[in-house]
Structure formats: structure tokens, C-alpha cells
Amino acid sequence: MRTLVLATALAAFWLALSGHYTPFLISVGALCVILVVYLAHRMHIVDEEGQPVELFLAAPTYWLWLFVEIAKSAWSVTWIILDPRLPISPTFTRVRAGQKTAAGIATYANSITLTPGTITTGVSGDILDVHAIVKSGADDLEAGGMDQRVTQFEGNASTARREKA
């Protein structure tokens, strides 16, 4: 299943970027997709962590929520930069990830980094080191809203995995 999803995604990506649909280019593209999928399979990276297919259904809702969070945070950082007093209060904090899988923890860390004003500087197990441009950004992370949202996103995938079994 994961191999088929990988091949389909690679083929669709290649077709979208190519823009040329001559028989020769399509056959070269198909050959490249087959080669890459074969190598990925041989390297044992076509697995649950490398390709979390279970997250695909819950992803649009999560991406929409993340987009709104990024927009709100970008607006706040813009106002901080434009303020003549430049009211920054750089802060380092550590937050514990409530996710159970490596993909969930990576999603949480990346979500923090994508949000303007915060960046994940290190991950050790389920502990994330985060730098925030203002103390309120660190406080928001410590409150756990984003962690809960990512855990819910990951939980939808876990539920889908259990229902398949």
C-alpha cells in the first residue's frame, strides 16, 4: 500500500512539474519513478514513519488550523517589529511533546518552527527546546494548545490504524 502511494505521489509530482507530456518524457518519468520506489523499498524507508498515510485524511483540517496560526503569529511579529520600542523579550523554554510517534513529534516541532516568532532549536526524546521572540509566545506553547492540536491530529491517524486492524 505504502509503495503504491509513494509511486503515485512521485508520478503526480513529476507530471505536475514537467509540463511536457510526450511519450518519451512520460516513459523516462515512469522509469525514474520505478527506480526511486525500488531504491526506497531496498533502503527500507517505505514504512509507517517515512510515509504516514494515515495522516492524509486529517491533514487538510490540521493544515487549515496551522495556516491560521501562522497568519495570526505573523501579524503579531509584524506589530512587534513595527513598534518603535521593539518590545521583544527573547526566551528559551522547554516543552514536552504529548505525541506518541516520531512523526507526531516531528510534526509538533515543525509546527512550532513554522509559526513566526518561535523556533524549535533541539529535540531530545519528547522534550523540545524552543526559542521565542517574546515571552508570550513561550507562554502560549507552555499552555499546550498546539501540543493538543498535534496530538489530536496524530490521534486521528492512530484511530484509523486501529480501525484497519
C-alpha atoms as a PDB file:
ATOM      1  CA  MET A   1       0.000   0.000   0.000  1.00  0.00           C
ATOM      2  CA  ARG A   2       2.704   2.498   1.012  1.00  0.00           C
ATOM      3  CA  THR A   3       4.751   1.606  -2.062  1.00  0.00           C
ATOM      4  CA  LEU A   4       1.777   2.318  -4.294  1.00  0.00           C
ATOM      5  CA  VAL A   5       1.120   5.644  -2.545  1.00  0.00           C
ATOM      6  CA  LEU A   6       4.793   6.607  -2.938  1.00  0.00           C
ATOM      7  CA  ALA A   7       4.787   5.726  -6.654  1.00  0.00           C
ATOM      8  CA  THR A   8       1.545   7.633  -7.238  1.00  0.00           C
ATOM      9  CA  ALA A   9       2.784  10.705  -5.357  1.00  0.00           C
ATOM     10  CA  LEU A  10       6.100  10.720  -7.209  1.00  0.00           C
ATOM     11  CA  ALA A  11       4.401  10.299 -10.591  1.00  0.00           C
ATOM     12  CA  ALA A  12       1.892  13.068  -9.870  1.00  0.00           C
ATOM     13  CA  PHE A  13       4.650  15.375  -8.649  1.00  0.00           C
ATOM     14  CA  TRP A  14       6.771  14.655 -11.725  1.00  0.00           C
ATOM     15  CA  LEU A  15       3.822  15.254 -14.068  1.00  0.00           C
ATOM     16  CA  ALA A  16       2.902  18.492 -12.295  1.00  0.00           C
ATOM     17  CA  LEU A  17       6.436  19.856 -12.546  1.00  0.00           C
ATOM     18  CA  SER A  18       7.188  18.593 -16.055  1.00  0.00           C
ATOM     19  CA  GLY A  19       4.511  20.267 -18.113  1.00  0.00           C
ATOM     20  CA  HIS A  20       5.597  18.166 -21.131  1.00  0.00           C
ATOM     21  CA  TYR A  21       3.661  15.025 -21.919  1.00  0.00           C
ATOM     22  CA  THR A  22       5.445  13.437 -24.863  1.00  0.00           C
ATOM     23  CA  PRO A  23       5.698   9.633 -24.893  1.00  0.00           C
ATOM     24  CA  PHE A  24       9.462   9.767 -24.416  1.00  0.00           C
ATOM     25  CA  LEU A  25       9.310  12.064 -21.364  1.00  0.00           C
ATOM     26  CA  ILE A  26       6.462  10.129 -19.803  1.00  0.00           C
ATOM     27  CA  SER A  27       8.374   6.870 -20.210  1.00  0.00           C
ATOM     28  CA  VAL A  28      11.531   8.418 -18.725  1.00  0.00           C
ATOM     29  CA  GLY A  29       9.441   9.741 -15.838  1.00  0.00           C
ATOM     30  CA  ALA A  30       7.879   6.337 -15.258  1.00  0.00           C
ATOM     31  CA  LEU A  31      11.315   4.722 -15.328  1.00  0.00           C
ATOM     32  CA  CYS A  32      12.595   7.235 -12.756  1.00  0.00           C
ATOM     33  CA  VAL A  33       9.575   6.647 -10.504  1.00  0.00           C
ATOM     34  CA  ILE A  34      10.115   2.881 -10.674  1.00  0.00           C
ATOM     35  CA  LEU A  35      13.825   3.288  -9.886  1.00  0.00           C
ATOM     36  CA  VAL A  36      13.210   5.607  -6.932  1.00  0.00           C
ATOM     37  CA  VAL A  37      10.480   3.379  -5.484  1.00  0.00           C
ATOM     38  CA  TYR A  38      12.729   0.329  -5.889  1.00  0.00           C
ATOM     39  CA  LEU A  39      15.610   2.087  -4.109  1.00  0.00           C
ATOM     40  CA  ALA A  40      13.319   3.353  -1.342  1.00  0.00           C
ATOM     41  CA  HIS A  41      11.987  -0.156  -0.851  1.00  0.00           C
ATOM     42  CA  ARG A  42      15.522  -1.599  -0.735  1.00  0.00           C
ATOM     43  CA  MET A  43      16.556   1.063   1.803  1.00  0.00           C
ATOM     44  CA  HIS A  44      13.531   0.146   3.982  1.00  0.00           C
ATOM     45  CA  ILE A  45      12.237   3.721   4.067  1.00  0.00           C
ATOM     46  CA  VAL A  46       8.774   2.892   2.753  1.00  0.00           C
ATOM     47  CA  ASP A  47       7.389   2.473   6.247  1.00  0.00           C
ATOM     48  CA  GLU A  48       4.952   3.964   8.728  1.00  0.00           C
ATOM     49  CA  GLU A  49       7.325   6.725   9.816  1.00  0.00           C
ATOM     50  CA  GLY A  50       8.586   7.663   6.379  1.00  0.00           C
ATOM     51  CA  GLN A  51       5.122   7.693   4.874  1.00  0.00           C
ATOM     52  CA  PRO A  52       2.367   8.309   7.411  1.00  0.00           C
ATOM     53  CA  VAL A  53      -0.526   7.589   5.029  1.00  0.00           C
ATOM     54  CA  GLU A  54      -2.933   7.529   7.969  1.00  0.00           C
ATOM     55  CA  LEU A  55      -2.453  11.290   8.380  1.00  0.00           C
ATOM     56  CA  PHE A  56      -3.677  12.136   4.869  1.00  0.00           C
ATOM     57  CA  LEU A  57      -7.377  12.361   5.772  1.00  0.00           C
ATOM     58  CA  ALA A  58      -6.827  14.522   8.842  1.00  0.00           C
ATOM     59  CA  ALA A  59      -4.161  16.676   7.170  1.00  0.00           C
ATOM     60  CA  PRO A  60      -6.376  19.300   5.437  1.00  0.00           C
ATOM     61  CA  THR A  61      -8.072  20.256   8.701  1.00  0.00           C
ATOM     62  CA  TYR A  62      -4.736  20.435  10.502  1.00  0.00           C
ATOM     63  CA  TRP A  63      -3.127  22.450   7.694  1.00  0.00           C
ATOM     64  CA  LEU A  64      -6.006  24.940   7.753  1.00  0.00           C
ATOM     65  CA  TRP A  65      -5.633  25.368  11.518  1.00  0.00           C
ATOM     66  CA  LEU A  66      -1.838  25.734  11.158  1.00  0.00           C
ATOM     67  CA  PHE A  67      -2.255  28.293   8.368  1.00  0.00           C
ATOM     68  CA  VAL A  68      -4.493  30.404  10.626  1.00  0.00           C
ATOM     69  CA  GLU A  69      -1.953  30.111  13.477  1.00  0.00           C
ATOM     70  CA  ILE A  70       0.879  31.144  11.148  1.00  0.00           C
ATOM     71  CA  ALA A  71      -1.133  34.154   9.929  1.00  0.00           C
ATOM     72  CA  LYS A  72      -2.007  35.267  13.474  1.00  0.00           C
ATOM     73  CA  SER A  73       1.585  34.857  14.616  1.00  0.00           C
ATOM     74  CA  ALA A  74       2.950  36.676  11.552  1.00  0.00           C
ATOM     75  CA  TRP A  75       0.620  39.570  12.300  1.00  0.00           C
ATOM     76  CA  SER A  76       1.848  39.725  15.919  1.00  0.00           C
ATOM     77  CA  VAL A  77       5.518  39.601  14.889  1.00  0.00           C
ATOM     78  CA  THR A  78       4.876  42.334  12.309  1.00  0.00           C
ATOM     79  CA  TRP A  79       3.452  44.615  15.003  1.00  0.00           C
ATOM     80  CA  ILE A  80       6.410  43.879  17.279  1.00  0.00           C
ATOM     81  CA  ILE A  81       8.845  44.800  14.507  1.00  0.00           C
ATOM     82  CA  LEU A  82       6.960  47.966  13.567  1.00  0.00           C
ATOM     83  CA  ASP A  83       6.686  49.174  17.172  1.00  0.00           C
ATOM     84  CA  PRO A  84       9.317  51.888  17.709  1.00  0.00           C
ATOM     85  CA  ARG A  85      10.091  50.470  21.182  1.00  0.00           C
ATOM     86  CA  LEU A  86      10.640  46.985  19.672  1.00  0.00           C
ATOM     87  CA  PRO A  87       9.108  45.150  22.651  1.00  0.00           C
ATOM     88  CA  ILE A  88      10.940  41.853  22.331  1.00  0.00           C
ATOM     89  CA  SER A  89      11.736  39.585  25.239  1.00  0.00           C
ATOM     90  CA  PRO A  90      13.672  36.627  23.804  1.00  0.00           C
ATOM     91  CA  THR A  91      13.026  33.482  25.786  1.00  0.00           C
ATOM     92  CA  PHE A  92      14.125  29.865  25.730  1.00  0.00           C
ATOM     93  CA  THR A  93      11.736  27.260  27.041  1.00  0.00           C
ATOM     94  CA  ARG A  94      11.339  23.509  27.074  1.00  0.00           C
ATOM     95  CA  VAL A  95       8.065  21.839  26.246  1.00  0.00           C
ATOM     96  CA  ARG A  96       7.125  18.202  26.430  1.00  0.00           C
ATOM     97  CA  ALA A  97       5.537  16.699  23.328  1.00  0.00           C
ATOM     98  CA  GLY A  98       2.430  14.667  24.038  1.00  0.00           C
ATOM     99  CA  GLN A  99       2.738  12.745  20.782  1.00  0.00           C
ATOM    100  CA  LYS A 100       3.483   9.022  20.727  1.00  0.00           C
ATOM    101  CA  THR A 101       5.279   8.611  17.396  1.00  0.00           C
ATOM    102  CA  ALA A 102       8.377  10.125  15.821  1.00  0.00           C
ATOM    103  CA  ALA A 103       6.185  11.543  13.036  1.00  0.00           C
ATOM    104  CA  GLY A 104       3.936  13.207  15.641  1.00  0.00           C
ATOM    105  CA  ILE A 105       6.879  14.765  17.498  1.00  0.00           C
ATOM    106  CA  ALA A 106       8.381  15.941  14.199  1.00  0.00           C
ATOM    107  CA  THR A 107       5.023  17.460  13.218  1.00  0.00           C
ATOM    108  CA  TYR A 108       4.869  19.304  16.540  1.00  0.00           C
ATOM    109  CA  ALA A 109       8.457  20.576  16.257  1.00  0.00           C
ATOM    110  CA  ASN A 110       7.916  21.688  12.662  1.00  0.00           C
ATOM    111  CA  SER A 111       4.623  23.381  13.535  1.00  0.00           C
ATOM    112  CA  ILE A 112       6.412  25.402  16.210  1.00  0.00           C
ATOM    113  CA  THR A 113       9.148  26.387  13.764  1.00  0.00           C
ATOM    114  CA  LEU A 114       6.677  27.309  11.007  1.00  0.00           C
ATOM    115  CA  THR A 115       4.900  29.693  13.356  1.00  0.00           C
ATOM    116  CA  PRO A 116       6.637  33.103  13.178  1.00  0.00           C
ATOM    117  CA  GLY A 117       8.292  34.171  16.400  1.00  0.00           C
ATOM    118  CA  THR A 118       9.143  30.664  17.603  1.00  0.00           C
ATOM    119  CA  ILE A 119      11.696  28.090  16.529  1.00  0.00           C
ATOM    120  CA  THR A 120      12.459  24.592  17.745  1.00  0.00           C
ATOM    121  CA  THR A 121      16.192  24.505  18.400  1.00  0.00           C
ATOM    122  CA  GLY A 122      16.507  20.931  19.612  1.00  0.00           C
ATOM    123  CA  VAL A 123      14.636  17.702  20.220  1.00  0.00           C
ATOM    124  CA  SER A 124      15.652  15.115  22.778  1.00  0.00           C
ATOM    125  CA  GLY A 125      13.129  12.307  23.053  1.00  0.00           C
ATOM    126  CA  ASP A 126       9.844  14.054  23.752  1.00  0.00           C
ATOM    127  CA  ILE A 127      11.433  17.288  25.062  1.00  0.00           C
ATOM    128  CA  LEU A 128      11.623  20.222  22.639  1.00  0.00           C
ATOM    129  CA  ASP A 129      13.876  23.226  23.188  1.00  0.00           C
ATOM    130  CA  VAL A 130      12.146  26.294  21.809  1.00  0.00           C
ATOM    131  CA  HIS A 131      13.245  29.897  21.330  1.00  0.00           C
ATOM    132  CA  ALA A 132      10.526  32.540  21.278  1.00  0.00           C
ATOM    133  CA  ILE A 133      10.961  36.175  20.301  1.00  0.00           C
ATOM    134  CA  VAL A 134       8.566  37.247  23.066  1.00  0.00           C
ATOM    135  CA  LYS A 135       7.697  35.683  26.419  1.00  0.00           C
ATOM    136  CA  SER A 136       4.018  35.411  25.484  1.00  0.00           C
ATOM    137  CA  GLY A 137       4.955  33.088  22.592  1.00  0.00           C
ATOM    138  CA  ALA A 138       6.712  30.754  25.027  1.00  0.00           C
ATOM    139  CA  ASP A 139       3.779  31.006  27.433  1.00  0.00           C
ATOM    140  CA  ASP A 140       1.359  30.002  24.664  1.00  0.00           C
ATOM    141  CA  LEU A 141       3.440  26.908  23.906  1.00  0.00           C
ATOM    142  CA  GLU A 142       3.678  26.011  27.577  1.00  0.00           C
ATOM    143  CA  ALA A 143      -0.120  26.291  27.822  1.00  0.00           C
ATOM    144  CA  GLY A 144      -0.250  23.316  25.450  1.00  0.00           C
ATOM    145  CA  GLY A 145      -2.774  24.359  22.789  1.00  0.00           C
ATOM    146  CA  MET A 146      -0.564  23.447  19.842  1.00  0.00           C
ATOM    147  CA  ASP A 147       0.535  20.231  21.537  1.00  0.00           C
ATOM    148  CA  GLN A 148      -3.096  19.201  21.991  1.00  0.00           C
ATOM    149  CA  ARG A 149      -3.906  20.010  18.379  1.00  0.00           C
ATOM    150  CA  VAL A 150      -0.982  17.947  17.053  1.00  0.00           C
ATOM    151  CA  THR A 151      -1.842  15.104  19.455  1.00  0.00           C
ATOM    152  CA  GLN A 152      -5.422  15.197  18.159  1.00  0.00           C
ATOM    153  CA  PHE A 153      -4.097  15.140  14.585  1.00  0.00           C
ATOM    154  CA  GLU A 154      -1.864  12.171  15.427  1.00  0.00           C
ATOM    155  CA  GLY A 155      -4.715  10.508  17.334  1.00  0.00           C
ATOM    156  CA  ASN A 156      -6.947  10.574  14.263  1.00  0.00           C
ATOM    157  CA  ALA A 157      -4.262   8.582  12.470  1.00  0.00           C
ATOM    158  CA  SER A 158      -3.934   6.133  15.374  1.00  0.00           C
ATOM    159  CA  THR A 159      -7.691   5.621  15.364  1.00  0.00           C
ATOM    160  CA  ALA A 160      -7.612   4.945  11.615  1.00  0.00           C
ATOM    161  CA  ARG A 161      -4.768   2.415  12.130  1.00  0.00           C
ATOM    162  CA  ARG A 162      -6.722   0.613  14.860  1.00  0.00           C
ATOM    163  CA  GLU A 163      -9.895   0.509  12.732  1.00  0.00           C
ATOM    164  CA  LYS A 164      -7.963  -1.119   9.855  1.00  0.00           C
ATOM    165  CA  ALA A 165      -6.612  -3.881  12.117  1.00  0.00           C
END
